[in-house]
Amino acid sequence: MQSDKYEQEGFTIYESFFTQYEIEKIRLNILKVFEPFTGPNADDEKLISLFNSDFESYVASTKLCHQLPSIHALGTSDRMLEFIRSKFNIEPVINTRPVLLFSSRKVAKHHFYWKSKPHQDLAIMSGSPDSIVTWIPLCDMREELGFLEVVPESHKHGVLEHKKNGPSLEINQDLSDEVFVPAKMKIGDALFFSSSTIHRSGTNVSENRIRLTVSYRYDNMLNKDFINKKYPAAFDYVMRSQGT
């Protein structure tokens, strides 16, 4: 069973979790955000051109994409939450906003934005120790776009020491390429992995295609360690009055 694979290896892929129509509708919704700056029918090549000609508008558009209701709805639907409850035995609460990534060396000024180094999300999340991540491609995945790469059974060894890597963290030790396994997926599939599972980005070697993905992070509201530590969180979205 897939849930057994998750327990043993720290990750599992559920094929056709979404329909191709559901994913393509969200992708088109994202591209619409860029069209005031790219013109109609935005695509990967137009996004790359905008990155080079008007970086400020490109960044503003990517930030707004994170606020799209469709992006939030994908990760908070009854179907998703009930699935997590039943398959992984946690009561999910949101750890942070959806993480939407436009992964290509042609739309990145730091390698983190298109190729993250080996890391464990729990080192960044600071949430419940049994927290879970859902990673979903929003494009037609192919080998050349680079699948997410995971280290099977690495979730069993706790959180390793990390060091700063640009805007994020990476594991503070060298790992052999041989220990990484590509999570081969197609559009509509969903990857679920433990927040303690070591993973890294695959390499997008395509010329003009962007690997568009979204991931969601869920803490377990009923985890005793999480409760005893007063629901720790790495991301603070509390509104503060001016001057405080």
C-alpha atoms as a PDB file:
ATOM      1  CA  MET A   1       0.000   0.000   0.000  1.00  0.00           C
ATOM      2  CA  GLN A   2       1.071   3.593  -0.646  1.00  0.00           C
ATOM      3  CA  SER A   3       0.773   4.527   3.035  1.00  0.00           C
ATOM      4  CA  ASP A   4       3.145   1.662   3.902  1.00  0.00           C
ATOM      5  CA  LYS A   5       5.640   3.010   1.365  1.00  0.00           C
ATOM      6  CA  TYR A   6       5.388   6.415   3.026  1.00  0.00           C
ATOM      7  CA  GLU A   7       6.113   4.937   6.458  1.00  0.00           C
ATOM      8  CA  GLN A   8       9.056   2.923   5.142  1.00  0.00           C
ATOM      9  CA  GLU A   9      10.658   5.302   2.651  1.00  0.00           C
ATOM     10  CA  GLY A  10       9.389   8.706   3.743  1.00  0.00           C
ATOM     11  CA  PHE A  11       7.587   9.523   0.492  1.00  0.00           C
ATOM     12  CA  THR A  12       4.946   8.212  -1.869  1.00  0.00           C
ATOM     13  CA  ILE A  13       3.371   9.278  -5.179  1.00  0.00           C
ATOM     14  CA  TYR A  14      -0.367   9.107  -5.741  1.00  0.00           C
ATOM     15  CA  GLU A  15      -1.013   8.991  -9.466  1.00  0.00           C
ATOM     16  CA  SER A  16      -3.856  11.003 -11.014  1.00  0.00           C
ATOM     17  CA  PHE A  17      -4.729  12.631  -7.693  1.00  0.00           C
ATOM     18  CA  PHE A  18      -6.027  15.531  -9.768  1.00  0.00           C
ATOM     19  CA  THR A  19      -7.424  15.597 -13.282  1.00  0.00           C
ATOM     20  CA  GLN A  20      -5.334  17.156 -16.019  1.00  0.00           C
ATOM     21  CA  TYR A  21      -8.127  19.711 -16.469  1.00  0.00           C
ATOM     22  CA  GLU A  22      -7.878  20.826 -12.810  1.00  0.00           C
ATOM     23  CA  ILE A  23      -4.147  21.411 -13.071  1.00  0.00           C
ATOM     24  CA  GLU A  24      -4.221  23.109 -16.462  1.00  0.00           C
ATOM     25  CA  LYS A  25      -6.956  25.469 -15.254  1.00  0.00           C
ATOM     26  CA  ILE A  26      -4.720  26.597 -12.385  1.00  0.00           C
ATOM     27  CA  ARG A  27      -1.735  26.969 -14.702  1.00  0.00           C
ATOM     28  CA  LEU A  28      -3.748  29.240 -16.986  1.00  0.00           C
ATOM     29  CA  ASN A  29      -4.892  31.202 -13.937  1.00  0.00           C
ATOM     30  CA  ILE A  30      -1.231  31.779 -13.016  1.00  0.00           C
ATOM     31  CA  LEU A  31      -0.233  32.852 -16.516  1.00  0.00           C
ATOM     32  CA  LYS A  32      -3.080  35.402 -16.585  1.00  0.00           C
ATOM     33  CA  VAL A  33      -1.320  37.309 -13.798  1.00  0.00           C
ATOM     34  CA  PHE A  34       1.621  38.018 -16.126  1.00  0.00           C
ATOM     35  CA  GLU A  35      -0.417  39.083 -19.166  1.00  0.00           C
ATOM     36  CA  PRO A  36      -0.660  42.824 -18.313  1.00  0.00           C
ATOM     37  CA  PHE A  37       3.126  42.819 -18.817  1.00  0.00           C
ATOM     38  CA  THR A  38       3.633  40.082 -21.451  1.00  0.00           C
ATOM     39  CA  GLY A  39       0.561  40.616 -23.583  1.00  0.00           C
ATOM     40  CA  PRO A  40      -2.075  37.906 -24.202  1.00  0.00           C
ATOM     41  CA  ASN A  41      -1.377  34.176 -24.160  1.00  0.00           C
ATOM     42  CA  ALA A  42       1.539  34.257 -21.740  1.00  0.00           C
ATOM     43  CA  ASP A  43       3.749  31.186 -21.856  1.00  0.00           C
ATOM     44  CA  ASP A  44       7.164  30.105 -20.590  1.00  0.00           C
ATOM     45  CA  GLU A  45       9.087  31.975 -23.277  1.00  0.00           C
ATOM     46  CA  LYS A  46       7.196  35.204 -22.574  1.00  0.00           C
ATOM     47  CA  LEU A  47       7.892  34.845 -18.847  1.00  0.00           C
ATOM     48  CA  ILE A  48      11.602  34.422 -19.560  1.00  0.00           C
ATOM     49  CA  SER A  49      11.526  37.503 -21.791  1.00  0.00           C
ATOM     50  CA  LEU A  50       9.758  39.516 -19.060  1.00  0.00           C
ATOM     51  CA  PHE A  51      12.352  38.400 -16.487  1.00  0.00           C
ATOM     52  CA  ASN A  52      15.085  39.843 -18.711  1.00  0.00           C
ATOM     53  CA  SER A  53      13.317  43.030 -19.785  1.00  0.00           C
ATOM     54  CA  ASP A  54      11.297  44.018 -16.702  1.00  0.00           C
ATOM     55  CA  PHE A  55      12.487  42.143 -13.630  1.00  0.00           C
ATOM     56  CA  GLU A  56      10.387  44.242 -11.241  1.00  0.00           C
ATOM     57  CA  SER A  57       7.153  43.321 -13.023  1.00  0.00           C
ATOM     58  CA  TYR A  58       8.198  39.674 -13.204  1.00  0.00           C
ATOM     59  CA  VAL A  59       8.809  39.500  -9.444  1.00  0.00           C
ATOM     60  CA  ALA A  60       5.594  41.383  -8.644  1.00  0.00           C
ATOM     61  CA  SER A  61       3.646  38.914 -10.772  1.00  0.00           C
ATOM     62  CA  THR A  62       5.189  35.840  -9.125  1.00  0.00           C
ATOM     63  CA  LYS A  63       4.342  37.271  -5.706  1.00  0.00           C
ATOM     64  CA  LEU A  64       0.741  37.917  -6.689  1.00  0.00           C
ATOM     65  CA  CYS A  65       0.427  34.354  -8.000  1.00  0.00           C
ATOM     66  CA  HIS A  66       0.914  33.133  -4.426  1.00  0.00           C
ATOM     67  CA  GLN A  67      -2.284  34.977  -3.472  1.00  0.00           C
ATOM     68  CA  LEU A  68      -4.491  33.353  -6.102  1.00  0.00           C
ATOM     69  CA  PRO A  69      -7.529  31.674  -4.501  1.00  0.00           C
ATOM     70  CA  SER A  70      -7.099  28.707  -6.852  1.00  0.00           C
ATOM     71  CA  ILE A  71      -3.607  28.052  -5.484  1.00  0.00           C
ATOM     72  CA  HIS A  72      -4.852  28.077  -1.892  1.00  0.00           C
ATOM     73  CA  ALA A  73      -7.933  26.019  -2.736  1.00  0.00           C
ATOM     74  CA  LEU A  74      -5.868  23.226  -4.255  1.00  0.00           C
ATOM     75  CA  GLY A  75      -4.142  22.565  -0.939  1.00  0.00           C
ATOM     76  CA  THR A  76      -7.088  23.193   1.390  1.00  0.00           C
ATOM     77  CA  SER A  77      -9.865  21.325  -0.406  1.00  0.00           C
ATOM     78  CA  ASP A  78     -11.926  18.798   1.564  1.00  0.00           C
ATOM     79  CA  ARG A  79     -10.528  16.104  -0.717  1.00  0.00           C
ATOM     80  CA  MET A  80      -6.919  16.963   0.128  1.00  0.00           C
ATOM     81  CA  LEU A  81      -7.460  17.353   3.880  1.00  0.00           C
ATOM     82  CA  GLU A  82      -9.553  14.193   4.235  1.00  0.00           C
ATOM     83  CA  PHE A  83      -6.952  12.270   2.245  1.00  0.00           C
ATOM     84  CA  ILE A  84      -4.163  13.426   4.574  1.00  0.00           C
ATOM     85  CA  ARG A  85      -6.215  12.519   7.639  1.00  0.00           C
ATOM     86  CA  SER A  86      -7.035   9.039   6.391  1.00  0.00           C
ATOM     87  CA  LYS A  87      -3.715   8.081   4.804  1.00  0.00           C
ATOM     88  CA  PHE A  88      -1.182   9.702   7.127  1.00  0.00           C
ATOM     89  CA  ASN A  89      -3.065   9.844  10.422  1.00  0.00           C
ATOM     90  CA  ILE A  90      -2.563  13.542  11.136  1.00  0.00           C
ATOM     91  CA  GLU A  91      -5.012  16.384  11.728  1.00  0.00           C
ATOM     92  CA  PRO A  92      -3.666  18.904   9.197  1.00  0.00           C
ATOM     93  CA  VAL A  93      -3.182  22.591   9.881  1.00  0.00           C
ATOM     94  CA  ILE A  94      -1.397  24.936   7.508  1.00  0.00           C
ATOM     95  CA  ASN A  95       2.265  25.552   8.349  1.00  0.00           C
ATOM     96  CA  THR A  96       2.841  28.299   5.789  1.00  0.00           C
ATOM     97  CA  ARG A  97       1.434  29.758   2.598  1.00  0.00           C
ATOM     98  CA  PRO A  98       1.656  27.694  -0.594  1.00  0.00           C
ATOM     99  CA  VAL A  99       5.158  27.639  -2.080  1.00  0.00           C
ATOM    100  CA  LEU A 100       4.946  28.280  -5.805  1.00  0.00           C
ATOM    101  CA  LEU A 101       8.195  27.831  -7.735  1.00  0.00           C
ATOM    102  CA  PHE A 102       9.101  28.874 -11.283  1.00  0.00           C
ATOM    103  CA  SER A 103      12.184  26.700 -11.746  1.00  0.00           C
ATOM    104  CA  SER A 104      14.566  27.516 -14.573  1.00  0.00           C
ATOM    105  CA  ARG A 105      18.059  28.957 -14.623  1.00  0.00           C
ATOM    106  CA  LYS A 106      16.664  31.576 -17.033  1.00  0.00           C
ATOM    107  CA  VAL A 107      14.346  33.069 -14.406  1.00  0.00           C
ATOM    108  CA  ALA A 108      16.646  32.972 -11.384  1.00  0.00           C
ATOM    109  CA  LYS A 109      19.315  35.262  -9.965  1.00  0.00           C
ATOM    110  CA  HIS A 110      20.208  32.762  -7.219  1.00  0.00           C
ATOM    111  CA  HIS A 111      20.425  29.002  -7.734  1.00  0.00           C
ATOM    112  CA  PHE A 112      17.957  28.426  -4.876  1.00  0.00           C
ATOM    113  CA  TYR A 113      15.147  29.770  -7.056  1.00  0.00           C
ATOM    114  CA  TRP A 114      15.564  27.049  -9.636  1.00  0.00           C
ATOM    115  CA  LYS A 115      17.677  24.312  -8.022  1.00  0.00           C
ATOM    116  CA  SER A 116      17.559  23.931  -4.242  1.00  0.00           C
ATOM    117  CA  LYS A 117      20.355  22.017  -2.524  1.00  0.00           C
ATOM    118  CA  PRO A 118      19.699  18.961  -0.281  1.00  0.00           C
ATOM    119  CA  HIS A 119      17.603  19.925   2.726  1.00  0.00           C
ATOM    120  CA  GLN A 120      14.831  18.836   5.073  1.00  0.00           C
ATOM    121  CA  ASP A 121      11.752  21.035   5.182  1.00  0.00           C
ATOM    122  CA  LEU A 122      11.294  20.473   8.919  1.00  0.00           C
ATOM    123  CA  ALA A 123      14.511  22.432   9.525  1.00  0.00           C
ATOM    124  CA  ILE A 124      12.757  25.419   7.919  1.00  0.00           C
ATOM    125  CA  MET A 125       9.183  24.785   9.097  1.00  0.00           C
ATOM    126  CA  SER A 126       9.824  24.371  12.853  1.00  0.00           C
ATOM    127  CA  GLY A 127       6.436  22.670  13.134  1.00  0.00           C
ATOM    128  CA  SER A 128       5.239  19.278  14.339  1.00  0.00           C
ATOM    129  CA  PRO A 129       7.798  16.448  13.917  1.00  0.00           C
ATOM    130  CA  ASP A 130       5.295  14.403  11.886  1.00  0.00           C
ATOM    131  CA  SER A 131       4.481  17.248   9.496  1.00  0.00           C
ATOM    132  CA  ILE A 132       3.970  16.412   5.839  1.00  0.00           C
ATOM    133  CA  VAL A 133       4.633  18.111   2.498  1.00  0.00           C
ATOM    134  CA  THR A 134       2.593  17.762  -0.687  1.00  0.00           C
ATOM    135  CA  TRP A 135       4.462  18.605  -3.916  1.00  0.00           C
ATOM    136  CA  ILE A 136       2.429  19.049  -7.111  1.00  0.00           C
ATOM    137  CA  PRO A 137       3.670  19.774 -10.650  1.00  0.00           C
ATOM    138  CA  LEU A 138       1.589  22.376 -12.484  1.00  0.00           C
ATOM    139  CA  CYS A 139       3.091  21.552 -15.858  1.00  0.00           C
ATOM    140  CA  ASP A 140       3.531  18.527 -18.085  1.00  0.00           C
ATOM    141  CA  MET A 141       6.525  16.960 -16.325  1.00  0.00           C
ATOM    142  CA  ARG A 142       9.284  15.478 -18.459  1.00  0.00           C
ATOM    143  CA  GLU A 143      12.751  14.173 -17.709  1.00  0.00           C
ATOM    144  CA  GLU A 144      14.370  17.347 -19.027  1.00  0.00           C
ATOM    145  CA  LEU A 145      12.524  19.492 -16.477  1.00  0.00           C
ATOM    146  CA  GLY A 146      14.099  17.628 -13.571  1.00  0.00           C
ATOM    147  CA  PHE A 147      11.998  15.613 -11.123  1.00  0.00           C
ATOM    148  CA  LEU A 148      12.238  16.296  -7.401  1.00  0.00           C
ATOM    149  CA  GLU A 149      14.919  13.981  -5.938  1.00  0.00           C
ATOM    150  CA  VAL A 150      14.494  12.314  -2.542  1.00  0.00           C
ATOM    151  CA  VAL A 151      16.621  10.127  -0.267  1.00  0.00           C
ATOM    152  CA  PRO A 152      14.572   7.049   0.727  1.00  0.00           C
ATOM    153  CA  GLU A 153      14.367   6.331   4.466  1.00  0.00           C
ATOM    154  CA  SER A 154      16.190   9.555   5.362  1.00  0.00           C
ATOM    155  CA  HIS A 155      13.187  10.630   7.459  1.00  0.00           C
ATOM    156  CA  LYS A 156      14.151   8.020  10.054  1.00  0.00           C
ATOM    157  CA  HIS A 157      17.313   9.828  11.180  1.00  0.00           C
ATOM    158  CA  GLY A 158      15.918  13.088  12.533  1.00  0.00           C
ATOM    159  CA  VAL A 159      16.788  16.593  11.418  1.00  0.00           C
ATOM    160  CA  LEU A 160      20.412  17.049  10.406  1.00  0.00           C
ATOM    161  CA  GLU A 161      22.488  20.200  10.872  1.00  0.00           C
ATOM    162  CA  HIS A 162      21.738  22.822   8.231  1.00  0.00           C
ATOM    163  CA  LYS A 163      23.525  25.961   7.089  1.00  0.00           C
ATOM    164  CA  LYS A 164      22.327  29.129   5.413  1.00  0.00           C
ATOM    165  CA  ASN A 165      21.974  28.946   1.637  1.00  0.00           C
ATOM    166  CA  GLY A 166      20.848  32.268   0.201  1.00  0.00           C
ATOM    167  CA  PRO A 167      17.210  32.717   1.280  1.00  0.00           C
ATOM    168  CA  SER A 168      16.944  29.154   2.605  1.00  0.00           C
ATOM    169  CA  LEU A 169      18.888  26.316   4.245  1.00  0.00           C
ATOM    170  CA  GLU A 170      20.843  23.277   3.067  1.00  0.00           C
ATOM    171  CA  ILE A 171      22.248  20.250   4.871  1.00  0.00           C
ATOM    172  CA  ASN A 172      25.687  20.934   6.278  1.00  0.00           C
ATOM    173  CA  GLN A 173      27.315  17.785   4.880  1.00  0.00           C
ATOM    174  CA  ASP A 174      28.073  16.226   1.517  1.00  0.00           C
ATOM    175  CA  LEU A 175      25.765  13.548   0.190  1.00  0.00           C
ATOM    176  CA  SER A 176      26.556  11.226  -2.698  1.00  0.00           C
ATOM    177  CA  ASP A 177      24.423  11.637  -5.814  1.00  0.00           C
ATOM    178  CA  GLU A 178      23.777   7.889  -5.694  1.00  0.00           C
ATOM    179  CA  VAL A 179      21.525   8.181  -2.619  1.00  0.00           C
ATOM    180  CA  PHE A 180      19.005  10.410  -4.434  1.00  0.00           C
ATOM    181  CA  VAL A 181      16.043   8.925  -6.286  1.00  0.00           C
ATOM    182  CA  PRO A 182      13.976  10.950  -8.796  1.00  0.00           C
ATOM    183  CA  ALA A 183      10.261  11.109  -7.992  1.00  0.00           C
ATOM    184  CA  LYS A 184       9.022  10.527 -11.534  1.00  0.00           C
ATOM    185  CA  MET A 185       5.624  12.113 -11.989  1.00  0.00           C
ATOM    186  CA  LYS A 186       3.176  13.293 -14.602  1.00  0.00           C
ATOM    187  CA  ILE A 187       0.632  16.084 -14.593  1.00  0.00           C
ATOM    188  CA  GLY A 188      -2.140  15.303 -12.091  1.00  0.00           C
ATOM    189  CA  ASP A 189       0.099  13.280  -9.753  1.00  0.00           C
ATOM    190  CA  ALA A 190       0.823  14.366  -6.174  1.00  0.00           C
ATOM    191  CA  LEU A 191       3.942  13.577  -4.146  1.00  0.00           C
ATOM    192  CA  PHE A 192       3.582  13.303  -0.369  1.00  0.00           C
ATOM    193  CA  PHE A 193       6.712  13.221   1.759  1.00  0.00           C
ATOM    194  CA  SER A 194       7.730  13.576   5.371  1.00  0.00           C
ATOM    195  CA  SER A 195       9.107  16.980   6.277  1.00  0.00           C
ATOM    196  CA  SER A 196      12.178  15.078   7.554  1.00  0.00           C
ATOM    197  CA  THR A 197      12.851  13.441   4.182  1.00  0.00           C
ATOM    198  CA  ILE A 198      16.013  14.781   2.546  1.00  0.00           C
ATOM    199  CA  HIS A 199      15.343  16.092  -0.945  1.00  0.00           C
ATOM    200  CA  ARG A 200      16.654  18.462  -3.592  1.00  0.00           C
ATOM    201  CA  SER A 201      15.606  19.908  -6.940  1.00  0.00           C
ATOM    202  CA  GLY A 202      16.262  18.032 -10.115  1.00  0.00           C
ATOM    203  CA  THR A 203      18.070  19.921 -12.872  1.00  0.00           C
ATOM    204  CA  ASN A 204      15.933  21.623 -15.491  1.00  0.00           C
ATOM    205  CA  VAL A 205      18.076  21.262 -18.621  1.00  0.00           C
ATOM    206  CA  SER A 206      15.409  22.452 -21.053  1.00  0.00           C
ATOM    207  CA  GLU A 207      16.106  25.537 -23.121  1.00  0.00           C
ATOM    208  CA  ASN A 208      12.917  27.533 -22.672  1.00  0.00           C
ATOM    209  CA  ARG A 209      10.620  25.654 -20.304  1.00  0.00           C
ATOM    210  CA  ILE A 210       9.879  26.506 -16.685  1.00  0.00           C
ATOM    211  CA  ARG A 211       9.168  23.768 -14.145  1.00  0.00           C
ATOM    212  CA  LEU A 212       6.109  25.195 -12.413  1.00  0.00           C
ATOM    213  CA  THR A 213       5.268  23.495  -9.109  1.00  0.00           C
ATOM    214  CA  VAL A 214       3.417  24.196  -5.895  1.00  0.00           C
ATOM    215  CA  SER A 215       3.930  22.617  -2.499  1.00  0.00           C
ATOM    216  CA  TYR A 216       1.933  22.685   0.723  1.00  0.00           C
ATOM    217  CA  ARG A 217       3.156  22.087   4.269  1.00  0.00           C
ATOM    218  CA  TYR A 218       0.904  20.642   6.954  1.00  0.00           C
ATOM    219  CA  ASP A 219       1.529  20.320  10.688  1.00  0.00           C
ATOM    220  CA  ASN A 220      -0.322  17.816  12.858  1.00  0.00           C
ATOM    221  CA  MET A 221      -2.524  19.761  15.267  1.00  0.00           C
ATOM    222  CA  LEU A 222      -2.780  16.726  17.574  1.00  0.00           C
ATOM    223  CA  ASN A 223       0.939  15.977  17.867  1.00  0.00           C
ATOM    224  CA  LYS A 224       1.857  16.070  21.576  1.00  0.00           C
ATOM    225  CA  ASP A 225       5.313  17.534  20.996  1.00  0.00           C
ATOM    226  CA  PHE A 226       3.777  20.274  18.840  1.00  0.00           C
ATOM    227  CA  ILE A 227       1.255  21.045  21.574  1.00  0.00           C
ATOM    228  CA  ASN A 228       3.796  21.015  24.395  1.00  0.00           C
ATOM    229  CA  LYS A 229       5.977  23.518  22.517  1.00  0.00           C
ATOM    230  CA  LYS A 230       2.968  25.850  22.069  1.00  0.00           C
ATOM    231  CA  TYR A 231       2.570  25.321  18.324  1.00  0.00           C
ATOM    232  CA  PRO A 232       5.966  26.570  17.105  1.00  0.00           C
ATOM    233  CA  ALA A 233       6.024  28.194  13.653  1.00  0.00           C
ATOM    234  CA  ALA A 234       8.847  29.561  11.526  1.00  0.00           C
ATOM    235  CA  PHE A 235       6.630  32.050   9.692  1.00  0.00           C
ATOM    236  CA  ASP A 236       4.979  34.945  11.522  1.00  0.00           C
ATOM    237  CA  TYR A 237       2.055  36.573   9.707  1.00  0.00           C
ATOM    238  CA  VAL A 238       0.646  38.486  12.700  1.00  0.00           C
ATOM    239  CA  MET A 239      -0.493  41.986  11.788  1.00  0.00           C
ATOM    240  CA  ARG A 240       1.305  44.619  13.848  1.00  0.00           C
ATOM    241  CA  SER A 241       0.405  48.244  14.379  1.00  0.00           C
ATOM    242  CA  GLN A 242       2.829  50.902  13.231  1.00  0.00           C
ATOM    243  CA  GLY A 243       5.744  51.435  15.599  1.00  0.00           C
ATOM    244  CA  THR A 244       5.581  48.018  17.303  1.00  0.00           C
END
